[in-house]
């Protein structure tokens, strides 16, 4: 495995990114290009369904 002489890059901003090789860091997605996360009604419905299912399973297990 090839390693760079310099193990960190102070311009990377985050310690994990600084530890990555330069060719990997160049492929990182810039913050502006990342999609915005949106919570939809289907997400809330799925979360509520999973929460209720786990609650019922634990309640049945305890009884």
C-alpha atoms as a PDB file:
ATOM      1  CA  UNK A   1       0.000   0.000   0.000  1.00  0.00           C
ATOM      2  CA  UNK A   2       1.365   3.429  -0.964  1.00  0.00           C
ATOM      3  CA  UNK A   3       1.232   6.204   1.592  1.00  0.00           C
ATOM      4  CA  UNK A   4       1.911   9.880   1.240  1.00  0.00           C
ATOM      5  CA  UNK A   5       4.862  11.425   3.042  1.00  0.00           C
ATOM      6  CA  UNK A   6       2.522  13.893   4.693  1.00  0.00           C
ATOM      7  CA  UNK A   7      -0.104  12.004   6.665  1.00  0.00           C
ATOM      8  CA  UNK A   8      -2.495  14.890   7.266  1.00  0.00           C
ATOM      9  CA  UNK A   9      -3.809  17.899   5.399  1.00  0.00           C
ATOM     10  CA  UNK A  10      -4.780  20.941   7.459  1.00  0.00           C
ATOM     11  CA  UNK A  11      -6.962  22.329   4.660  1.00  0.00           C
ATOM     12  CA  UNK A  12      -9.298  19.316   4.862  1.00  0.00           C
ATOM     13  CA  UNK A  13     -11.063  20.790   7.918  1.00  0.00           C
ATOM     14  CA  UNK A  14     -12.035  17.542   9.625  1.00  0.00           C
ATOM     15  CA  UNK A  15      -9.547  15.088  11.210  1.00  0.00           C
ATOM     16  CA  UNK A  16     -11.022  12.122   9.343  1.00  0.00           C
ATOM     17  CA  UNK A  17     -10.841  13.890   5.977  1.00  0.00           C
ATOM     18  CA  UNK A  18      -7.296  15.007   6.751  1.00  0.00           C
ATOM     19  CA  UNK A  19      -6.237  11.392   7.270  1.00  0.00           C
ATOM     20  CA  UNK A  20      -7.523  10.287   3.839  1.00  0.00           C
ATOM     21  CA  UNK A  21      -5.218  10.117   0.821  1.00  0.00           C
ATOM     22  CA  UNK A  22      -5.413  13.094  -1.572  1.00  0.00           C
ATOM     23  CA  UNK A  23      -7.045  11.138  -4.422  1.00  0.00           C
ATOM     24  CA  UNK A  24      -9.916  10.083  -2.131  1.00  0.00           C
ATOM     25  CA  UNK A  25     -10.370  13.602  -0.705  1.00  0.00           C
ATOM     26  CA  UNK A  26     -10.705  15.083  -4.206  1.00  0.00           C
ATOM     27  CA  UNK A  27     -13.738  12.886  -4.878  1.00  0.00           C
ATOM     28  CA  UNK A  28     -15.555  14.066  -1.740  1.00  0.00           C
ATOM     29  CA  UNK A  29     -18.875  15.768  -2.406  1.00  0.00           C
ATOM     30  CA  UNK A  30     -18.817  19.489  -1.553  1.00  0.00           C
ATOM     31  CA  UNK A  31     -21.338  20.699   1.018  1.00  0.00           C
ATOM     32  CA  UNK A  32     -23.240  22.792  -1.528  1.00  0.00           C
ATOM     33  CA  UNK A  33     -23.828  19.762  -3.805  1.00  0.00           C
ATOM     34  CA  UNK A  34     -25.379  17.572  -1.105  1.00  0.00           C
ATOM     35  CA  UNK A  35     -29.134  17.079  -1.361  1.00  0.00           C
ATOM     36  CA  UNK A  36     -31.247  18.609   1.380  1.00  0.00           C
ATOM     37  CA  UNK A  37     -32.951  16.117   3.653  1.00  0.00           C
ATOM     38  CA  UNK A  38     -36.703  16.409   3.705  1.00  0.00           C
ATOM     39  CA  UNK A  39     -39.033  14.538   6.005  1.00  0.00           C
ATOM     40  CA  UNK A  40     -42.105  13.349   4.168  1.00  0.00           C
ATOM     41  CA  UNK A  41     -45.431  12.088   5.435  1.00  0.00           C
ATOM     42  CA  UNK A  42     -44.360   8.564   4.415  1.00  0.00           C
ATOM     43  CA  UNK A  43     -41.233   8.868   6.615  1.00  0.00           C
ATOM     44  CA  UNK A  44     -43.314   9.871   9.630  1.00  0.00           C
ATOM     45  CA  UNK A  45     -45.807   7.082   8.940  1.00  0.00           C
ATOM     46  CA  UNK A  46     -43.000   4.495   8.710  1.00  0.00           C
ATOM     47  CA  UNK A  47     -41.388   5.704  11.917  1.00  0.00           C
ATOM     48  CA  UNK A  48     -44.711   5.659  13.785  1.00  0.00           C
ATOM     49  CA  UNK A  49     -45.490   2.166  12.503  1.00  0.00           C
ATOM     50  CA  UNK A  50     -42.094   0.837  13.615  1.00  0.00           C
ATOM     51  CA  UNK A  51     -42.407   2.571  17.003  1.00  0.00           C
ATOM     52  CA  UNK A  52     -45.858   1.134  17.674  1.00  0.00           C
ATOM     53  CA  UNK A  53     -44.798  -2.336  16.512  1.00  0.00           C
ATOM     54  CA  UNK A  54     -41.783  -2.332  18.849  1.00  0.00           C
ATOM     55  CA  UNK A  55     -43.888  -0.977  21.718  1.00  0.00           C
ATOM     56  CA  UNK A  56     -46.483  -3.732  21.234  1.00  0.00           C
ATOM     57  CA  UNK A  57     -43.782  -6.425  20.973  1.00  0.00           C
ATOM     58  CA  UNK A  58     -42.084  -5.287  24.193  1.00  0.00           C
ATOM     59  CA  UNK A  59     -45.420  -4.997  26.000  1.00  0.00           C
ATOM     60  CA  UNK A  60     -46.427  -8.526  24.967  1.00  0.00           C
ATOM     61  CA  UNK A  61     -42.996  -9.836  26.003  1.00  0.00           C
ATOM     62  CA  UNK A  62     -43.272  -8.237  29.471  1.00  0.00           C
ATOM     63  CA  UNK A  63     -46.777  -9.563  30.107  1.00  0.00           C
END
